[in-house]
C-alpha atoms as a PDB file:
ATOM      1  CA  UNK A   1      -0.033   0.134   0.060  1.00  0.00           C
ATOM      2  CA  UNK A   2       2.678   2.386   0.901  1.00  0.00           C
ATOM      3  CA  UNK A   3       4.392   1.698  -2.731  1.00  0.00           C
ATOM      4  CA  UNK A   4       0.792   2.479  -4.234  1.00  0.00           C
ATOM      5  CA  UNK A   5       0.423   6.099  -2.024  1.00  0.00           C
ATOM      6  CA  UNK A   6       4.292   6.869  -3.282  1.00  0.00           C
ATOM      7  CA  UNK A   7       3.052   6.467  -6.734  1.00  0.00           C
ATOM      8  CA  UNK A   8      -0.073   8.217  -6.440  1.00  0.00           C
ATOM      9  CA  UNK A   9       1.863  11.346  -4.675  1.00  0.00           C
ATOM     10  CA  UNK A  10       4.552  11.206  -7.774  1.00  0.00           C
ATOM     11  CA  UNK A  11       1.561  11.331 -10.432  1.00  0.00           C
ATOM     12  CA  UNK A  12      -0.026  14.556  -8.585  1.00  0.00           C
ATOM     13  CA  UNK A  13       3.541  16.025  -8.669  1.00  0.00           C
ATOM     14  CA  UNK A  14       3.732  15.004 -12.383  1.00  0.00           C
ATOM     15  CA  UNK A  15       0.352  16.833 -13.028  1.00  0.00           C
ATOM     16  CA  UNK A  16       1.427  19.796 -11.363  1.00  0.00           C
ATOM     17  CA  UNK A  17       5.075  19.730 -13.346  1.00  0.00           C
ATOM     18  CA  UNK A  18       3.116  19.227 -16.501  1.00  0.00           C
ATOM     19  CA  UNK A  19       0.583  22.217 -15.405  1.00  0.00           C
ATOM     20  CA  UNK A  20      -2.305  20.163 -15.741  1.00  0.00           C
ATOM     21  CA  UNK A  21      -3.302  20.536 -11.915  1.00  0.00           C
ATOM     22  CA  UNK A  22      -2.492  24.559 -11.779  1.00  0.00           C
ATOM     23  CA  UNK A  23      -4.712  24.695 -15.034  1.00  0.00           C
ATOM     24  CA  UNK A  24      -7.552  23.268 -13.527  1.00  0.00           C
ATOM     25  CA  UNK A  25      -7.103  24.999 -10.419  1.00  0.00           C
ATOM     26  CA  UNK A  26      -6.952  28.564 -12.399  1.00  0.00           C
ATOM     27  CA  UNK A  27     -10.130  27.452 -14.143  1.00  0.00           C
ATOM     28  CA  UNK A  28     -12.094  26.600 -11.088  1.00  0.00           C
ATOM     29  CA  UNK A  29     -11.029  29.650  -9.158  1.00  0.00           C
ATOM     30  CA  UNK A  30     -12.248  32.067 -11.993  1.00  0.00           C
ATOM     31  CA  UNK A  31     -15.634  29.875 -12.114  1.00  0.00           C
ATOM     32  CA  UNK A  32     -15.790  30.650  -8.261  1.00  0.00           C
ATOM     33  CA  UNK A  33     -14.855  34.376  -8.632  1.00  0.00           C
ATOM     34  CA  UNK A  34     -17.205  34.913 -11.567  1.00  0.00           C
ATOM     35  CA  UNK A  35     -20.100  33.080  -9.501  1.00  0.00           C
ATOM     36  CA  UNK A  36     -19.463  35.058  -6.433  1.00  0.00           C
ATOM     37  CA  UNK A  37     -19.730  38.297  -8.494  1.00  0.00           C
ATOM     38  CA  UNK A  38     -22.811  37.687 -10.517  1.00  0.00           C
ATOM     39  CA  UNK A  39     -24.430  36.296  -7.153  1.00  0.00           C
ATOM     40  CA  UNK A  40     -23.354  39.472  -5.536  1.00  0.00           C
ATOM     41  CA  UNK A  41     -24.769  42.405  -7.934  1.00  0.00           C
ATOM     42  CA  UNK A  42     -28.371  40.337  -7.958  1.00  0.00           C
ATOM     43  CA  UNK A  43     -31.156  40.746  -5.697  1.00  0.00           C
ATOM     44  CA  UNK A  44     -32.729  37.511  -6.645  1.00  0.00           C
ATOM     45  CA  UNK A  45     -34.145  36.873  -2.817  1.00  0.00           C
ATOM     46  CA  UNK A  46     -35.525  40.347  -2.429  1.00  0.00           C
ATOM     47  CA  UNK A  47     -37.520  39.670  -5.641  1.00  0.00           C
ATOM     48  CA  UNK A  48     -38.865  36.171  -4.311  1.00  0.00           C
ATOM     49  CA  UNK A  49     -39.729  37.851  -0.756  1.00  0.00           C
ATOM     50  CA  UNK A  50     -42.012  40.378  -2.926  1.00  0.00           C
ATOM     51  CA  UNK A  51     -43.544  38.034  -5.411  1.00  0.00           C
ATOM     52  CA  UNK A  52     -44.171  34.720  -2.888  1.00  0.00           C
ATOM     53  CA  UNK A  53     -44.781  36.567   0.418  1.00  0.00           C
ATOM     54  CA  UNK A  54     -44.892  33.946   3.183  1.00  0.00           C
ATOM     55  CA  UNK A  55     -44.171  30.978   0.777  1.00  0.00           C
ATOM     56  CA  UNK A  56     -40.828  32.483  -0.300  1.00  0.00           C
ATOM     57  CA  UNK A  57     -38.557  30.351   2.237  1.00  0.00           C
ATOM     58  CA  UNK A  58     -39.578  27.027   0.312  1.00  0.00           C
ATOM     59  CA  UNK A  59     -39.500  28.686  -2.957  1.00  0.00           C
ATOM     60  CA  UNK A  60     -35.866  29.920  -2.280  1.00  0.00           C
ATOM     61  CA  UNK A  61     -34.632  26.758  -1.376  1.00  0.00           C
ATOM     62  CA  UNK A  62     -36.217  25.312  -4.656  1.00  0.00           C
ATOM     63  CA  UNK A  63     -34.529  28.016  -6.650  1.00  0.00           C
ATOM     64  CA  UNK A  64     -31.047  27.624  -4.927  1.00  0.00           C
ATOM     65  CA  UNK A  65     -31.049  23.774  -5.460  1.00  0.00           C
ATOM     66  CA  UNK A  66     -32.079  24.352  -9.184  1.00  0.00           C
ATOM     67  CA  UNK A  67     -29.243  27.161  -9.282  1.00  0.00           C
ATOM     68  CA  UNK A  68     -26.536  24.733  -7.908  1.00  0.00           C
ATOM     69  CA  UNK A  69     -27.533  22.516 -10.835  1.00  0.00           C
ATOM     70  CA  UNK A  70     -27.499  24.816 -13.740  1.00  0.00           C
ATOM     71  CA  UNK A  71     -24.193  25.881 -12.596  1.00  0.00           C
ATOM     72  CA  UNK A  72     -22.353  22.767 -11.889  1.00  0.00           C
ATOM     73  CA  UNK A  73     -23.961  20.508 -14.461  1.00  0.00           C
ATOM     74  CA  UNK A  74     -22.624  21.883 -17.375  1.00  0.00           C
ATOM     75  CA  UNK A  75     -19.102  22.806 -15.480  1.00  0.00           C
ATOM     76  CA  UNK A  76     -18.911  19.293 -14.188  1.00  0.00           C
ATOM     77  CA  UNK A  77     -19.404  17.894 -17.861  1.00  0.00           C
ATOM     78  CA  UNK A  78     -16.793  20.474 -19.333  1.00  0.00           C
ATOM     79  CA  UNK A  79     -14.249  19.218 -16.428  1.00  0.00           C
ATOM     80  CA  UNK A  80     -14.764  15.613 -17.195  1.00  0.00           C
ATOM     81  CA  UNK A  81     -14.016  16.233 -20.878  1.00  0.00           C
ATOM     82  CA  UNK A  82     -10.865  18.326 -20.021  1.00  0.00           C
ATOM     83  CA  UNK A  83      -9.956  15.592 -17.221  1.00  0.00           C
ATOM     84  CA  UNK A  84      -9.914  13.052 -19.950  1.00  0.00           C
ATOM     85  CA  UNK A  85      -8.093  14.860 -22.376  1.00  0.00           C
ATOM     86  CA  UNK A  86      -5.161  15.569 -19.676  1.00  0.00           C
ATOM     87  CA  UNK A  87      -4.957  12.224 -17.942  1.00  0.00           C
ATOM     88  CA  UNK A  88      -5.048   9.999 -21.192  1.00  0.00           C
ATOM     89  CA  UNK A  89      -1.204  10.464 -21.463  1.00  0.00           C
ATOM     90  CA  UNK A  90      -0.304   9.348 -17.926  1.00  0.00           C
ATOM     91  CA  UNK A  91       0.124   5.821 -18.841  1.00  0.00           C
ATOM     92  CA  UNK A  92       1.874   6.063 -22.111  1.00  0.00           C
ATOM     93  CA  UNK A  93       4.370   8.524 -20.635  1.00  0.00           C
ATOM     94  CA  UNK A  94       4.839   5.797 -17.860  1.00  0.00           C
ATOM     95  CA  UNK A  95       5.429   3.285 -20.694  1.00  0.00           C
ATOM     96  CA  UNK A  96       7.865   5.257 -22.827  1.00  0.00           C
ATOM     97  CA  UNK A  97      11.446   3.780 -23.142  1.00  0.00           C
ATOM     98  CA  UNK A  98      13.492   4.743 -20.525  1.00  0.00           C
ATOM     99  CA  UNK A  99      10.772   5.762 -18.004  1.00  0.00           C
ATOM    100  CA  UNK A 100       9.684   2.288 -17.431  1.00  0.00           C
ATOM    101  CA  UNK A 101      12.931   0.758 -17.276  1.00  0.00           C
ATOM    102  CA  UNK A 102      13.281   3.160 -14.326  1.00  0.00           C
ATOM    103  CA  UNK A 103      10.241   2.490 -12.559  1.00  0.00           C
ATOM    104  CA  UNK A 104      10.582  -1.440 -13.096  1.00  0.00           C
ATOM    105  CA  UNK A 105      14.136  -1.162 -11.362  1.00  0.00           C
ATOM    106  CA  UNK A 106      12.310   0.363  -8.473  1.00  0.00           C
ATOM    107  CA  UNK A 107      11.196  -1.915  -5.558  1.00  0.00           C
ATOM    108  CA  UNK A 108       7.723  -1.564  -6.774  1.00  0.00           C
ATOM    109  CA  UNK A 109       5.695  -4.377  -8.441  1.00  0.00           C
ATOM    110  CA  UNK A 110       3.781  -3.682 -11.659  1.00  0.00           C
ATOM    111  CA  UNK A 111       0.273  -3.875  -9.882  1.00  0.00           C
ATOM    112  CA  UNK A 112       1.431  -1.203  -7.648  1.00  0.00           C
ATOM    113  CA  UNK A 113       2.778   0.685 -10.204  1.00  0.00           C
ATOM    114  CA  UNK A 114      -0.209   0.662 -12.320  1.00  0.00           C
ATOM    115  CA  UNK A 115      -2.609   1.441  -9.520  1.00  0.00           C
ATOM    116  CA  UNK A 116      -0.728   4.174  -8.055  1.00  0.00           C
ATOM    117  CA  UNK A 117      -1.066   6.102 -11.731  1.00  0.00           C
ATOM    118  CA  UNK A 118      -4.467   5.076 -11.549  1.00  0.00           C
ATOM    119  CA  UNK A 119      -5.290   6.703  -8.274  1.00  0.00           C
ATOM    120  CA  UNK A 120      -2.892   9.627  -8.688  1.00  0.00           C
ATOM    121  CA  UNK A 121      -5.060  10.591 -11.797  1.00  0.00           C
ATOM    122  CA  UNK A 122      -8.032  10.348  -9.752  1.00  0.00           C
ATOM    123  CA  UNK A 123      -6.751  12.692  -7.257  1.00  0.00           C
ATOM    124  CA  UNK A 124      -5.518  15.311  -9.618  1.00  0.00           C
ATOM    125  CA  UNK A 125      -9.609  15.210 -10.686  1.00  0.00           C
ATOM    126  CA  UNK A 126     -11.013  14.814  -7.283  1.00  0.00           C
ATOM    127  CA  UNK A 127      -8.988  17.834  -5.801  1.00  0.00           C
ATOM    128  CA  UNK A 128     -10.193  20.104  -8.405  1.00  0.00           C
ATOM    129  CA  UNK A 129     -13.959  18.822  -8.593  1.00  0.00           C
ATOM    130  CA  UNK A 130     -13.828  19.394  -4.771  1.00  0.00           C
ATOM    131  CA  UNK A 131     -12.270  22.929  -5.146  1.00  0.00           C
ATOM    132  CA  UNK A 132     -15.004  23.951  -8.035  1.00  0.00           C
ATOM    133  CA  UNK A 133     -17.861  22.455  -6.064  1.00  0.00           C
ATOM    134  CA  UNK A 134     -17.308  23.675  -2.622  1.00  0.00           C
ATOM    135  CA  UNK A 135     -16.052  27.226  -3.938  1.00  0.00           C
ATOM    136  CA  UNK A 136     -19.658  27.517  -6.088  1.00  0.00           C
ATOM    137  CA  UNK A 137     -21.652  25.931  -3.094  1.00  0.00           C
ATOM    138  CA  UNK A 138     -20.300  28.423  -0.714  1.00  0.00           C
ATOM    139  CA  UNK A 139     -20.875  31.460  -2.938  1.00  0.00           C
ATOM    140  CA  UNK A 140     -24.554  30.629  -3.078  1.00  0.00           C
ATOM    141  CA  UNK A 141     -25.321  29.163   0.342  1.00  0.00           C
ATOM    142  CA  UNK A 142     -23.601  32.525   1.930  1.00  0.00           C
ATOM    143  CA  UNK A 143     -25.490  34.549  -0.503  1.00  0.00           C
ATOM    144  CA  UNK A 144     -29.079  33.178   0.150  1.00  0.00           C
ATOM    145  CA  UNK A 145     -27.843  31.455   3.653  1.00  0.00           C
ATOM    146  CA  UNK A 146     -29.320  28.298   2.483  1.00  0.00           C
ATOM    147  CA  UNK A 147     -26.989  25.368   2.796  1.00  0.00           C
ATOM    148  CA  UNK A 148     -27.709  22.264   0.872  1.00  0.00           C
ATOM    149  CA  UNK A 149     -25.224  19.991   2.471  1.00  0.00           C
ATOM    150  CA  UNK A 150     -26.197  16.712   0.393  1.00  0.00           C
ATOM    151  CA  UNK A 151     -25.159  18.557  -2.833  1.00  0.00           C
ATOM    152  CA  UNK A 152     -21.486  18.199  -1.839  1.00  0.00           C
ATOM    153  CA  UNK A 153     -21.881  14.428  -2.352  1.00  0.00           C
ATOM    154  CA  UNK A 154     -21.640  15.300  -6.047  1.00  0.00           C
ATOM    155  CA  UNK A 155     -17.959  15.657  -5.508  1.00  0.00           C
ATOM    156  CA  UNK A 156     -17.744  11.809  -5.280  1.00  0.00           C
ATOM    157  CA  UNK A 157     -20.443  10.916  -7.904  1.00  0.00           C
ATOM    158  CA  UNK A 158     -18.448  13.257 -10.345  1.00  0.00           C
ATOM    159  CA  UNK A 159     -14.981  11.885  -9.277  1.00  0.00           C
ATOM    160  CA  UNK A 160     -16.499   8.304  -9.706  1.00  0.00           C
ATOM    161  CA  UNK A 161     -17.790   8.984 -12.982  1.00  0.00           C
ATOM    162  CA  UNK A 162     -14.285  10.238 -14.147  1.00  0.00           C
ATOM    163  CA  UNK A 163     -12.864   6.759 -12.268  1.00  0.00           C
ATOM    164  CA  UNK A 164     -14.751   4.544 -14.525  1.00  0.00           C
ATOM    165  CA  UNK A 165     -13.828   6.156 -17.743  1.00  0.00           C
ATOM    166  CA  UNK A 166     -10.391   6.680 -16.802  1.00  0.00           C
ATOM    167  CA  UNK A 167     -10.453   2.744 -15.943  1.00  0.00           C
ATOM    168  CA  UNK A 168     -10.815   2.400 -19.723  1.00  0.00           C
ATOM    169  CA  UNK A 169      -8.390   5.149 -20.697  1.00  0.00           C
ATOM    170  CA  UNK A 170      -5.942   2.788 -18.629  1.00  0.00           C
ATOM    171  CA  UNK A 171      -6.499  -0.287 -20.466  1.00  0.00           C
ATOM    172  CA  UNK A 172      -5.811   1.346 -23.804  1.00  0.00           C
ATOM    173  CA  UNK A 173      -3.114   3.048 -22.704  1.00  0.00           C
ATOM    174  CA  UNK A 174      -1.463  -0.448 -21.681  1.00  0.00           C
ATOM    175  CA  UNK A 175      -2.554  -1.884 -24.636  1.00  0.00           C
ATOM    176  CA  UNK A 176      -1.350   0.493 -27.254  1.00  0.00           C
ATOM    177  CA  UNK A 177       1.031   2.685 -25.195  1.00  0.00           C
ATOM    178  CA  UNK A 178      -0.739   5.568 -26.649  1.00  0.00           C
ATOM    179  CA  UNK A 179      -3.458   7.796 -25.381  1.00  0.00           C
ATOM    180  CA  UNK A 180      -5.510   8.595 -28.448  1.00  0.00           C
ATOM    181  CA  UNK A 181      -7.820   5.202 -28.507  1.00  0.00           C
ATOM    182  CA  UNK A 182      -8.587   5.451 -24.963  1.00  0.00           C
ATOM    183  CA  UNK A 183      -9.658   8.942 -25.082  1.00  0.00           C
ATOM    184  CA  UNK A 184     -11.781   8.533 -28.107  1.00  0.00           C
ATOM    185  CA  UNK A 185     -13.452   5.754 -26.547  1.00  0.00           C
ATOM    186  CA  UNK A 186     -14.088   7.719 -23.038  1.00  0.00           C
ATOM    187  CA  UNK A 187     -15.398  10.387 -25.360  1.00  0.00           C
ATOM    188  CA  UNK A 188     -17.848   8.357 -27.056  1.00  0.00           C
ATOM    189  CA  UNK A 189     -19.224   6.479 -23.912  1.00  0.00           C
ATOM    190  CA  UNK A 190     -19.533   9.977 -22.362  1.00  0.00           C
ATOM    191  CA  UNK A 191     -20.962  12.107 -24.892  1.00  0.00           C
ATOM    192  CA  UNK A 192     -22.737   9.510 -27.274  1.00  0.00           C
ATOM    193  CA  UNK A 193     -23.369   5.871 -26.004  1.00  0.00           C
ATOM    194  CA  UNK A 194     -24.301   6.411 -22.779  1.00  0.00           C
ATOM    195  CA  UNK A 195     -27.011   9.043 -23.005  1.00  0.00           C
ATOM    196  CA  UNK A 196     -28.206   7.374 -26.514  1.00  0.00           C
ATOM    197  CA  UNK A 197     -28.441   3.999 -24.395  1.00  0.00           C
ATOM    198  CA  UNK A 198     -30.670   5.844 -21.384  1.00  0.00           C
ATOM    199  CA  UNK A 199     -33.219   6.998 -23.984  1.00  0.00           C
ATOM    200  CA  UNK A 200     -33.448   3.784 -25.890  1.00  0.00           C
ATOM    201  CA  UNK A 201     -33.854   1.873 -22.547  1.00  0.00           C
ATOM    202  CA  UNK A 202     -36.187   4.122 -21.125  1.00  0.00           C
ATOM    203  CA  UNK A 203     -38.644   6.318 -23.300  1.00  0.00           C
ATOM    204  CA  UNK A 204     -37.913   4.586 -26.828  1.00  0.00           C
ATOM    205  CA  UNK A 205     -38.570   0.943 -25.160  1.00  0.00           C
ATOM    206  CA  UNK A 206     -42.105   0.803 -25.926  1.00  0.00           C
ATOM    207  CA  UNK A 207     -41.712   1.917 -29.803  1.00  0.00           C
ATOM    208  CA  UNK A 208     -39.177  -1.133 -30.459  1.00  0.00           C
ATOM    209  CA  UNK A 209     -40.866  -4.233 -31.550  1.00  0.00           C
ATOM    210  CA  UNK A 210     -38.108  -6.559 -32.458  1.00  0.00           C
ATOM    211  CA  UNK A 211     -37.154  -8.803 -29.319  1.00  0.00           C
ATOM    212  CA  UNK A 212     -33.676  -8.943 -31.242  1.00  0.00           C
ATOM    213  CA  UNK A 213     -32.600  -5.177 -31.213  1.00  0.00           C
ATOM    214  CA  UNK A 214     -34.395  -5.058 -27.490  1.00  0.00           C
ATOM    215  CA  UNK A 215     -32.177  -7.722 -26.519  1.00  0.00           C
ATOM    216  CA  UNK A 216     -28.971  -5.862 -27.893  1.00  0.00           C
ATOM    217  CA  UNK A 217     -29.729  -2.546 -26.392  1.00  0.00           C
ATOM    218  CA  UNK A 218     -30.288  -4.060 -22.967  1.00  0.00           C
ATOM    219  CA  UNK A 219     -27.171  -5.778 -23.361  1.00  0.00           C
ATOM    220  CA  UNK A 220     -25.257  -2.702 -24.226  1.00  0.00           C
ATOM    221  CA  UNK A 221     -27.171  -0.722 -21.458  1.00  0.00           C
ATOM    222  CA  UNK A 222     -25.759  -2.854 -18.730  1.00  0.00           C
ATOM    223  CA  UNK A 223     -22.525  -3.315 -20.356  1.00  0.00           C
ATOM    224  CA  UNK A 224     -21.712   0.220 -20.879  1.00  0.00           C
ATOM    225  CA  UNK A 225     -21.163   2.722 -18.031  1.00  0.00           C
ATOM    226  CA  UNK A 226     -24.012   4.514 -17.073  1.00  0.00           C
ATOM    227  CA  UNK A 227     -22.132   8.179 -16.771  1.00  0.00           C
ATOM    228  CA  UNK A 228     -25.612   9.793 -17.971  1.00  0.00           C
ATOM    229  CA  UNK A 229     -27.545   8.263 -15.410  1.00  0.00           C
ATOM    230  CA  UNK A 230     -24.714   9.210 -12.637  1.00  0.00           C
ATOM    231  CA  UNK A 231     -24.078  12.698 -14.251  1.00  0.00           C
ATOM    232  CA  UNK A 232     -27.727  14.011 -14.639  1.00  0.00           C
ATOM    233  CA  UNK A 233     -30.331  11.830 -12.309  1.00  0.00           C
ATOM    234  CA  UNK A 234     -27.791  11.335  -9.087  1.00  0.00           C
ATOM    235  CA  UNK A 235     -26.576  14.950  -8.892  1.00  0.00           C
ATOM    236  CA  UNK A 236     -30.234  16.099  -9.261  1.00  0.00           C
ATOM    237  CA  UNK A 237     -31.200  14.138  -6.806  1.00  0.00           C
ATOM    238  CA  UNK A 238     -28.515  15.006  -4.399  1.00  0.00           C
ATOM    239  CA  UNK A 239     -28.885  18.654  -5.043  1.00  0.00           C
ATOM    240  CA  UNK A 240     -32.816  18.787  -4.123  1.00  0.00           C
ATOM    241  CA  UNK A 241     -31.905  17.102  -0.741  1.00  0.00           C
ATOM    242  CA  UNK A 242     -33.049  13.631  -1.915  1.00  0.00           C
ATOM    243  CA  UNK A 243     -31.126  10.340  -1.768  1.00  0.00           C
ATOM    244  CA  UNK A 244     -30.155   7.941  -4.027  1.00  0.00           C
ATOM    245  CA  UNK A 245     -32.985   5.919  -5.040  1.00  0.00           C
ATOM    246  CA  UNK A 246     -31.513   3.872  -7.778  1.00  0.00           C
ATOM    247  CA  UNK A 247     -28.191   2.188  -7.079  1.00  0.00           C
ATOM    248  CA  UNK A 248     -28.095   0.346 -10.334  1.00  0.00           C
ATOM    249  CA  UNK A 249     -25.829   2.986 -12.501  1.00  0.00           C
ATOM    250  CA  UNK A 250     -23.352   2.812  -9.617  1.00  0.00           C
ATOM    251  CA  UNK A 251     -22.792  -0.685  -9.113  1.00  0.00           C
ATOM    252  CA  UNK A 252     -23.082  -1.730 -12.984  1.00  0.00           C
ATOM    253  CA  UNK A 253     -20.548   1.291 -13.821  1.00  0.00           C
ATOM    254  CA  UNK A 254     -18.409  -0.217 -10.967  1.00  0.00           C
ATOM    255  CA  UNK A 255     -18.060  -3.501 -12.276  1.00  0.00           C
ATOM    256  CA  UNK A 256     -17.192  -1.915 -15.375  1.00  0.00           C
ATOM    257  CA  UNK A 257     -14.336  -0.047 -13.670  1.00  0.00           C
ATOM    258  CA  UNK A 258     -13.095  -3.428 -12.030  1.00  0.00           C
ATOM    259  CA  UNK A 259     -12.948  -5.418 -15.325  1.00  0.00           C
ATOM    260  CA  UNK A 260     -10.968  -2.516 -17.036  1.00  0.00           C
ATOM    261  CA  UNK A 261      -8.853  -2.419 -13.994  1.00  0.00           C
ATOM    262  CA  UNK A 262      -8.397  -6.065 -13.694  1.00  0.00           C
ATOM    263  CA  UNK A 263      -7.788  -6.697 -17.399  1.00  0.00           C
ATOM    264  CA  UNK A 264      -5.533  -3.958 -17.525  1.00  0.00           C
ATOM    265  CA  UNK A 265      -3.700  -5.255 -14.544  1.00  0.00           C
ATOM    266  CA  UNK A 266      -3.274  -8.753 -16.221  1.00  0.00           C
ATOM    267  CA  UNK A 267      -2.024  -7.364 -19.495  1.00  0.00           C
ATOM    268  CA  UNK A 268       0.360  -5.207 -18.017  1.00  0.00           C
ATOM    269  CA  UNK A 269       1.961  -7.818 -15.822  1.00  0.00           C
ATOM    270  CA  UNK A 270       2.282 -10.235 -19.033  1.00  0.00           C
ATOM    271  CA  UNK A 271       4.307  -7.361 -21.066  1.00  0.00           C
ATOM    272  CA  UNK A 272       7.765  -7.243 -21.848  1.00  0.00           C
ATOM    273  CA  UNK A 273       9.546  -3.857 -21.211  1.00  0.00           C
END
């Protein structure tokens, strides 16, 4: 475990040296400052009080929840797209001739090395996602004196969503020693496959008459990680103060993560360097 944490810390330092960490932090800070300034010049609470009267408190609480979602949802999606791009090179750089020879000469196993790199990439994203969400949440909460603490769970949900996609990036990094394929498949799942399968498995299910195509859609739905449900439904429920009603997107996505990392570890240990 100590070796894994050492590699994780080294990966974080590598991200800082490549300005990845600093770039993310600057974007997060700019968003927080912009949010605070916009909120500072608005007088939404007075408008709601004048319009709703005695019902202003519950209305304001609902507005605050929707405001948090409206700000964080697009920023989280954009942040994940940037995170995929930035993290896709961690494994290929590690596998470059000279780098991998030096690392394998150290008293650290290949499994520890791979997991350390994986956790390091997740740590970089977690810190920046936490900075962004806590900063925006504090700006909104201080402005309206309404503290929606369950919304902070979205930090873990967004980080977990990235961890699932990053496991796929790690696998393709080990297989190809490059970043392009892993990045493309992660984007494909996040932007196209997961939203389409969510729609086809749900709203479109009654319009599909072929048993074969229903079977194909159901199979793909349960195999492909449900990043769309994680980023939309789960965060929305948490922001509104509710609990997670459906854990299926979480555990099926976790099984995908475990399968990708297990396969990556097996291939990495079998490779000759």
